[in-house]
Amino acid sequence: MSAVHSTMRALGSPAPDFTLPNLNSLMPGKADASVGLSVLTAKPLLVMFICNHCPYVIYIAERMTELANDAVEKGFGVVAISANDALNYPQDGPVAMAEFAHQYGFNFPYLYDESQQVAKTYAAACTPDFFVFDANHALQYRGQMDAARPGNSVEVTGDQLAAAINAVYSGNATNQQQVPSIGCNIKWKAGNQPEYF
């Protein structure tokens, strides 16, 4: 695996628009077949770029899901997005995404960015990569969930992402000292790797 850091977009940046198919909708009782930013207006927003096979994601998946489901309960718009090249990484393809969402109990959409354009507009670089926006969809947090990594023996707490979610929920400022996330690089299609990567 190739570990890379998140790009750390400028705080205050607007949330780029998107409309993507929701692979969580393959299971009964789940959300609409596609989800876009337009249906999440006037809500704070948590956007997570993840994938199914990344050991960094798997290591934090249970706590990540707890935090994301809790954010839904708080009234956030929450989406997870996979942008990996499913042709070369079929374990990150649509069917596996639906299974992953079911396995971990996602109460939020798991979106498939097949063209990888949404990942580019968010300047996403790794899995996992987290972005928290306020109700005006201005970026308030980007970075790691916590300091836990596969093999470093740090407890998975989600403390830094949880603090950002709670600050935005309460209308308070987030801590400006934010640490980049680190994880597997997004698996870009041939010739599609962005300049920032």
Foldseek 3Di string as FASTA:
>chain_A
DDKDWAPPPDFQDFQDKDKFAFLLVVDPPADDRIDIVVVQALAKEKEKEAFDPWQQCVVQVQVVQVLQVVLVVLVYQYEYEYAAACVVVVCRDSVVQNVSCVVNVHNHTYGYNPVCVSCVVVSGWFPTWMWIAANNRGTQATAALDDDGVPPPDDRDSVQVNQSSVCRSVVHHHPPPHHIYMTHTRHDDVPGDDPSD
